[in-house]
Amino acid sequence: MTTLTNSPVSNAQPKTKIDKIRVLDDCVNQSTEKSAPPLVTVYSHVLLVVDGYTQGISSECQSLAMVLSTIKTDDSISKAVITVVRKALLINSTEATKLHADIQEHLSSLPKLEVSSYAS
């Protein structure tokens, strides 16, 4: 297991997904002085993959919430359960959308890299 030294967050445990991205971003910023192009490329790829999953989660939560709103029942307990689950799905969708926005902000702030070919 790799331990990060000289990291301002090495002793702190990130609690949310956004905190984890910020920790990763801090690590990348500290390490880019030595190996910027490969590290930034890998970091960008990881963020793009996570961003894709986040968008999928947001979309799926919204779709499931819409499906739940079409269920009709006269039972008050069933109505309450459907309402609670629907609200939870919408909250998850909102959080995923916020995470997507944060990821896009991080991606746009990464340094632009020039690709240079190596002479063989």
N, C-alpha and C. Protein backbone atom coordinates (compact mmCIF):
# COMPACT_ATOMS: atom_id res chain seq x y z
N MET A 1 0.84 -1.18 0.00
CA MET A 1 0.00 0.00 0.00
C MET A 1 0.88 1.23 0.00
N THR A 2 0.56 2.19 -0.85
CA THR A 2 1.34 3.40 -0.96
C THR A 2 0.84 4.42 0.04
N THR A 3 1.78 5.00 0.75
CA THR A 3 1.45 6.04 1.72
C THR A 3 1.94 7.37 1.18
N LEU A 4 1.09 8.35 1.21
CA LEU A 4 1.48 9.67 0.73
C LEU A 4 2.13 10.43 1.87
N THR A 5 3.32 10.94 1.60
CA THR A 5 3.99 11.77 2.59
C THR A 5 3.90 13.21 2.14
N ASN A 6 4.09 14.11 3.05
CA ASN A 6 4.01 15.54 2.78
C ASN A 6 2.63 15.95 2.27
N SER A 7 1.66 15.16 2.54
CA SER A 7 0.30 15.49 2.11
C SER A 7 -0.44 16.15 3.25
N PRO A 8 -1.11 17.27 2.98
CA PRO A 8 -1.83 17.94 4.06
C PRO A 8 -3.02 17.14 4.55
N VAL A 9 -3.41 16.13 3.81
CA VAL A 9 -4.59 15.34 4.20
C VAL A 9 -4.23 13.90 4.50
N SER A 10 -2.94 13.61 4.71
CA SER A 10 -2.53 12.22 4.88
C SER A 10 -3.13 11.57 6.13
N ASN A 11 -3.41 12.36 7.17
CA ASN A 11 -3.97 11.79 8.39
C ASN A 11 -5.49 11.87 8.42
N ALA A 12 -6.06 12.68 7.57
CA ALA A 12 -7.51 12.85 7.55
C ALA A 12 -8.14 11.83 6.60
N GLN A 13 -9.29 11.33 7.01
CA GLN A 13 -10.04 10.41 6.17
C GLN A 13 -11.16 11.18 5.48
N PRO A 14 -11.16 11.20 4.13
CA PRO A 14 -12.25 11.91 3.45
C PRO A 14 -13.58 11.24 3.72
N LYS A 15 -14.60 12.05 3.96
CA LYS A 15 -15.90 11.51 4.34
C LYS A 15 -16.88 11.44 3.18
N THR A 16 -16.75 12.32 2.21
CA THR A 16 -17.68 12.32 1.09
C THR A 16 -16.94 12.08 -0.21
N LYS A 17 -17.70 11.83 -1.27
CA LYS A 17 -17.10 11.61 -2.58
C LYS A 17 -16.36 12.86 -3.04
N ILE A 18 -16.94 14.01 -2.77
CA ILE A 18 -16.30 15.27 -3.18
C ILE A 18 -15.00 15.46 -2.43
N ASP A 19 -14.96 15.11 -1.14
CA ASP A 19 -13.72 15.20 -0.36
C ASP A 19 -12.66 14.27 -0.94
N LYS A 20 -13.08 13.07 -1.37
CA LYS A 20 -12.13 12.13 -1.96
C LYS A 20 -11.53 12.68 -3.24
N ILE A 21 -12.35 13.34 -4.05
CA ILE A 21 -11.84 13.95 -5.28
C ILE A 21 -10.87 15.06 -4.93
N ARG A 22 -11.19 15.84 -3.90
CA ARG A 22 -10.29 16.93 -3.51
C ARG A 22 -8.97 16.38 -3.00
N VAL A 23 -8.99 15.28 -2.27
CA VAL A 23 -7.76 14.65 -1.79
C VAL A 23 -6.94 14.19 -2.98
N LEU A 24 -7.59 13.53 -3.93
CA LEU A 24 -6.89 13.06 -5.13
C LEU A 24 -6.32 14.25 -5.90
N ASP A 25 -7.09 15.32 -6.00
CA ASP A 25 -6.64 16.52 -6.69
C ASP A 25 -5.42 17.12 -5.99
N ASP A 26 -5.43 17.17 -4.65
CA ASP A 26 -4.28 17.68 -3.90
C ASP A 26 -3.04 16.84 -4.16
N CYS A 27 -3.22 15.52 -4.19
CA CYS A 27 -2.09 14.62 -4.44
C CYS A 27 -1.53 14.85 -5.84
N VAL A 28 -2.41 15.01 -6.81
CA VAL A 28 -1.96 15.26 -8.18
C VAL A 28 -1.22 16.58 -8.25
N ASN A 29 -1.76 17.61 -7.62
CA ASN A 29 -1.11 18.92 -7.65
C ASN A 29 0.28 18.87 -7.03
N GLN A 30 0.46 18.08 -5.96
CA GLN A 30 1.77 17.95 -5.33
C GLN A 30 2.74 17.17 -6.19
N SER A 31 2.23 16.22 -6.95
CA SER A 31 3.09 15.33 -7.72
C SER A 31 3.38 15.83 -9.13
N THR A 32 2.64 16.79 -9.63
CA THR A 32 2.79 17.18 -11.02
C THR A 32 4.10 17.89 -11.31
N GLU A 33 4.77 18.38 -10.28
CA GLU A 33 6.05 19.04 -10.52
C GLU A 33 7.06 18.07 -11.12
N LYS A 34 6.98 16.80 -10.75
CA LYS A 34 7.97 15.81 -11.19
C LYS A 34 7.54 15.09 -12.46
N SER A 35 6.28 14.71 -12.54
CA SER A 35 5.86 13.86 -13.66
C SER A 35 4.50 14.30 -14.19
N ALA A 36 4.40 15.54 -14.58
CA ALA A 36 3.10 16.10 -14.96
C ALA A 36 2.39 15.36 -16.08
N PRO A 37 2.97 15.18 -17.25
CA PRO A 37 2.18 14.62 -18.35
C PRO A 37 1.56 13.26 -18.07
N PRO A 38 2.33 12.23 -17.63
CA PRO A 38 1.67 10.94 -17.41
C PRO A 38 0.66 10.97 -16.27
N LEU A 39 0.98 11.67 -15.20
CA LEU A 39 0.09 11.70 -14.05
C LEU A 39 -1.20 12.44 -14.36
N VAL A 40 -1.10 13.57 -15.02
CA VAL A 40 -2.30 14.33 -15.37
C VAL A 40 -3.16 13.54 -16.35
N THR A 41 -2.53 12.83 -17.27
CA THR A 41 -3.28 12.02 -18.24
C THR A 41 -4.05 10.93 -17.53
N VAL A 42 -3.42 10.21 -16.61
CA VAL A 42 -4.09 9.14 -15.86
C VAL A 42 -5.18 9.73 -14.98
N TYR A 43 -4.87 10.82 -14.30
CA TYR A 43 -5.85 11.48 -13.44
C TYR A 43 -7.06 11.92 -14.25
N SER A 44 -6.84 12.51 -15.41
CA SER A 44 -7.94 12.93 -16.27
C SER A 44 -8.79 11.74 -16.69
N HIS A 45 -8.13 10.65 -17.03
CA HIS A 45 -8.87 9.45 -17.45
C HIS A 45 -9.73 8.92 -16.29
N VAL A 46 -9.15 8.86 -15.11
CA VAL A 46 -9.90 8.37 -13.94
C VAL A 46 -11.10 9.27 -13.69
N LEU A 47 -10.90 10.57 -13.75
CA LEU A 47 -12.02 11.49 -13.53
C LEU A 47 -13.10 11.32 -14.60
N LEU A 48 -12.69 11.10 -15.83
CA LEU A 48 -13.68 10.90 -16.90
C LEU A 48 -14.48 9.63 -16.68
N VAL A 49 -13.83 8.57 -16.23
CA VAL A 49 -14.53 7.31 -15.95
C VAL A 49 -15.52 7.51 -14.79
N VAL A 50 -15.05 8.11 -13.71
CA VAL A 50 -15.91 8.37 -12.56
C VAL A 50 -17.07 9.28 -12.97
N ASP A 51 -16.77 10.27 -13.80
CA ASP A 51 -17.81 11.18 -14.27
C ASP A 51 -18.88 10.43 -15.06
N GLY A 52 -18.47 9.49 -15.88
CA GLY A 52 -19.43 8.69 -16.64
C GLY A 52 -20.34 7.89 -15.73
N TYR A 53 -19.75 7.26 -14.71
CA TYR A 53 -20.56 6.52 -13.74
C TYR A 53 -21.52 7.45 -12.99
N THR A 54 -21.03 8.63 -12.64
CA THR A 54 -21.85 9.59 -11.91
C THR A 54 -23.05 10.03 -12.73
N GLN A 55 -22.82 10.31 -14.00
CA GLN A 55 -23.92 10.69 -14.88
C GLN A 55 -24.93 9.55 -15.01
N GLY A 56 -24.43 8.32 -15.10
CA GLY A 56 -25.31 7.16 -15.19
C GLY A 56 -26.16 7.00 -13.94
N ILE A 57 -25.55 7.17 -12.79
CA ILE A 57 -26.27 7.06 -11.52
C ILE A 57 -27.36 8.12 -11.44
N SER A 58 -27.03 9.34 -11.81
CA SER A 58 -28.00 10.43 -11.77
C SER A 58 -29.19 10.12 -12.67
N SER A 59 -28.91 9.68 -13.87
CA SER A 59 -29.97 9.38 -14.83
C SER A 59 -30.85 8.22 -14.37
N GLU A 60 -30.21 7.17 -13.85
CA GLU A 60 -30.96 6.00 -13.37
C GLU A 60 -31.84 6.36 -12.16
N CYS A 61 -31.32 7.16 -11.27
CA CYS A 61 -32.12 7.58 -10.10
C CYS A 61 -33.34 8.38 -10.53
N GLN A 62 -33.15 9.29 -11.48
CA GLN A 62 -34.28 10.07 -11.97
C GLN A 62 -35.32 9.18 -12.64
N SER A 63 -34.84 8.23 -13.44
CA SER A 63 -35.77 7.32 -14.13
C SER A 63 -36.56 6.48 -13.13
N LEU A 64 -35.88 5.94 -12.14
CA LEU A 64 -36.57 5.13 -11.13
C LEU A 64 -37.57 5.96 -10.33
N ALA A 65 -37.21 7.19 -10.02
CA ALA A 65 -38.14 8.07 -9.29
C ALA A 65 -39.38 8.35 -10.12
N MET A 66 -39.20 8.54 -11.42
CA MET A 66 -40.36 8.78 -12.29
C MET A 66 -41.25 7.54 -12.36
N VAL A 67 -40.63 6.36 -12.42
CA VAL A 67 -41.41 5.12 -12.46
C VAL A 67 -42.20 4.96 -11.16
N LEU A 68 -41.57 5.25 -10.04
CA LEU A 68 -42.28 5.14 -8.75
C LEU A 68 -43.47 6.09 -8.67
N SER A 69 -43.36 7.24 -9.30
CA SER A 69 -44.48 8.20 -9.24
C SER A 69 -45.69 7.72 -10.04
N THR A 70 -45.52 6.72 -10.89
CA THR A 70 -46.64 6.20 -11.67
C THR A 70 -47.41 5.10 -10.94
N ILE A 71 -46.85 4.61 -9.84
CA ILE A 71 -47.52 3.54 -9.08
C ILE A 71 -48.67 4.13 -8.28
N LYS A 72 -49.85 3.57 -8.46
CA LYS A 72 -51.05 4.04 -7.75
C LYS A 72 -51.47 2.98 -6.73
N THR A 73 -51.71 3.42 -5.51
CA THR A 73 -52.15 2.51 -4.46
C THR A 73 -53.05 3.27 -3.48
N ASP A 74 -53.94 2.55 -2.85
CA ASP A 74 -54.82 3.16 -1.84
C ASP A 74 -54.27 2.96 -0.43
N ASP A 75 -53.29 2.10 -0.31
CA ASP A 75 -52.70 1.79 1.00
C ASP A 75 -51.78 2.94 1.43
N SER A 76 -52.05 3.51 2.59
CA SER A 76 -51.27 4.67 3.06
C SER A 76 -49.82 4.30 3.36
N ILE A 77 -49.58 3.11 3.84
CA ILE A 77 -48.20 2.68 4.14
C ILE A 77 -47.42 2.52 2.84
N SER A 78 -48.04 1.92 1.85
CA SER A 78 -47.38 1.77 0.55
C SER A 78 -47.08 3.13 -0.06
N LYS A 79 -48.02 4.06 0.04
CA LYS A 79 -47.80 5.41 -0.47
C LYS A 79 -46.61 6.07 0.23
N ALA A 80 -46.54 5.88 1.54
CA ALA A 80 -45.44 6.48 2.31
C ALA A 80 -44.09 5.89 1.89
N VAL A 81 -44.05 4.58 1.70
CA VAL A 81 -42.81 3.91 1.29
C VAL A 81 -42.38 4.41 -0.10
N ILE A 82 -43.34 4.48 -1.00
CA ILE A 82 -43.03 4.95 -2.36
C ILE A 82 -42.50 6.39 -2.31
N THR A 83 -43.13 7.23 -1.51
CA THR A 83 -42.70 8.63 -1.39
C THR A 83 -41.29 8.73 -0.83
N VAL A 84 -40.99 7.96 0.20
CA VAL A 84 -39.66 8.01 0.81
C VAL A 84 -38.59 7.51 -0.17
N VAL A 85 -38.87 6.41 -0.83
CA VAL A 85 -37.89 5.87 -1.79
C VAL A 85 -37.69 6.84 -2.95
N ARG A 86 -38.78 7.41 -3.44
CA ARG A 86 -38.70 8.37 -4.54
C ARG A 86 -37.86 9.58 -4.14
N LYS A 87 -38.08 10.11 -2.95
CA LYS A 87 -37.30 11.26 -2.48
C LYS A 87 -35.82 10.90 -2.33
N ALA A 88 -35.54 9.71 -1.83
CA ALA A 88 -34.14 9.27 -1.69
C ALA A 88 -33.47 9.18 -3.06
N LEU A 89 -34.18 8.66 -4.04
CA LEU A 89 -33.63 8.58 -5.39
C LEU A 89 -33.35 9.96 -5.97
N LEU A 90 -34.27 10.88 -5.75
CA LEU A 90 -34.07 12.24 -6.26
C LEU A 90 -32.91 12.94 -5.56
N ILE A 91 -32.74 12.69 -4.26
CA ILE A 91 -31.60 13.26 -3.53
C ILE A 91 -30.30 12.69 -4.09
N ASN A 92 -30.26 11.38 -4.33
CA ASN A 92 -29.06 10.77 -4.91
C ASN A 92 -28.77 11.32 -6.29
N SER A 93 -29.81 11.54 -7.07
CA SER A 93 -29.64 12.11 -8.39
C SER A 93 -29.05 13.52 -8.30
N THR A 94 -29.56 14.31 -7.38
CA THR A 94 -29.05 15.67 -7.19
C THR A 94 -27.59 15.66 -6.76
N GLU A 95 -27.25 14.78 -5.83
CA GLU A 95 -25.85 14.68 -5.37
C GLU A 95 -24.93 14.24 -6.51
N ALA A 96 -25.39 13.30 -7.31
CA ALA A 96 -24.58 12.85 -8.45
C ALA A 96 -24.38 13.98 -9.45
N THR A 97 -25.41 14.79 -9.65
CA THR A 97 -25.30 15.92 -10.56
C THR A 97 -24.30 16.94 -10.02
N LYS A 98 -24.32 17.19 -8.72
CA LYS A 98 -23.34 18.10 -8.11
C LYS A 98 -21.92 17.55 -8.25
N LEU A 99 -21.77 16.25 -8.04
CA LEU A 99 -20.47 15.62 -8.18
C LEU A 99 -19.98 15.74 -9.62
N HIS A 100 -20.88 15.54 -10.57
CA HIS A 100 -20.54 15.70 -11.99
C HIS A 100 -20.01 17.11 -12.25
N ALA A 101 -20.68 18.12 -11.70
CA ALA A 101 -20.24 19.51 -11.89
C ALA A 101 -18.85 19.73 -11.28
N ASP A 102 -18.62 19.16 -10.10
CA ASP A 102 -17.30 19.29 -9.47
C ASP A 102 -16.21 18.62 -10.30
N ILE A 103 -16.52 17.45 -10.83
CA ILE A 103 -15.54 16.74 -11.66
C ILE A 103 -15.23 17.55 -12.91
N GLN A 104 -16.26 18.10 -13.54
CA GLN A 104 -16.04 18.91 -14.73
C GLN A 104 -15.18 20.14 -14.41
N GLU A 105 -15.40 20.72 -13.24
CA GLU A 105 -14.59 21.87 -12.83
C GLU A 105 -13.13 21.46 -12.64
N HIS A 106 -12.91 20.30 -12.01
CA HIS A 106 -11.53 19.81 -11.83
C HIS A 106 -10.87 19.51 -13.17
N LEU A 107 -11.61 18.90 -14.07
CA LEU A 107 -11.05 18.58 -15.38
C LEU A 107 -10.67 19.84 -16.14
N SER A 108 -11.49 20.86 -16.04
CA SER A 108 -11.20 22.09 -16.76
C SER A 108 -10.02 22.85 -16.15
N SER A 109 -9.73 22.59 -14.88
CA SER A 109 -8.62 23.29 -14.24
C SER A 109 -7.28 22.57 -14.40
N LEU A 110 -7.29 21.36 -14.95
CA LEU A 110 -6.04 20.64 -15.14
C LEU A 110 -5.21 21.32 -16.23
N PRO A 111 -3.89 21.23 -16.09
CA PRO A 111 -3.05 21.87 -17.12
C PRO A 111 -3.23 21.20 -18.47
N LYS A 112 -3.18 22.02 -19.51
CA LYS A 112 -3.25 21.49 -20.87
C LYS A 112 -1.90 20.92 -21.22
N LEU A 113 -1.91 19.75 -21.83
CA LEU A 113 -0.65 19.07 -22.16
C LEU A 113 -0.44 19.03 -23.65
N GLU A 114 0.80 19.18 -24.04
CA GLU A 114 1.15 19.01 -25.44
C GLU A 114 1.71 17.62 -25.61
N VAL A 115 1.30 16.96 -26.66
CA VAL A 115 1.81 15.63 -26.94
C VAL A 115 2.97 15.80 -27.90
N SER A 116 4.10 15.30 -27.49
CA SER A 116 5.27 15.38 -28.37
C SER A 116 5.69 13.96 -28.73
N SER A 117 6.08 13.79 -29.95
CA SER A 117 6.50 12.46 -30.38
C SER A 117 7.97 12.26 -30.05
N TYR A 118 8.29 11.03 -29.74
CA TYR A 118 9.68 10.69 -29.44
C TYR A 118 10.34 10.18 -30.71
N ALA A 119 11.53 10.66 -30.97
CA ALA A 119 12.27 10.19 -32.16
C ALA A 119 12.84 8.82 -31.85
N SER A 120 12.65 7.89 -32.77
CA SER A 120 13.15 6.54 -32.51
C SER A 120 14.55 6.35 -33.00
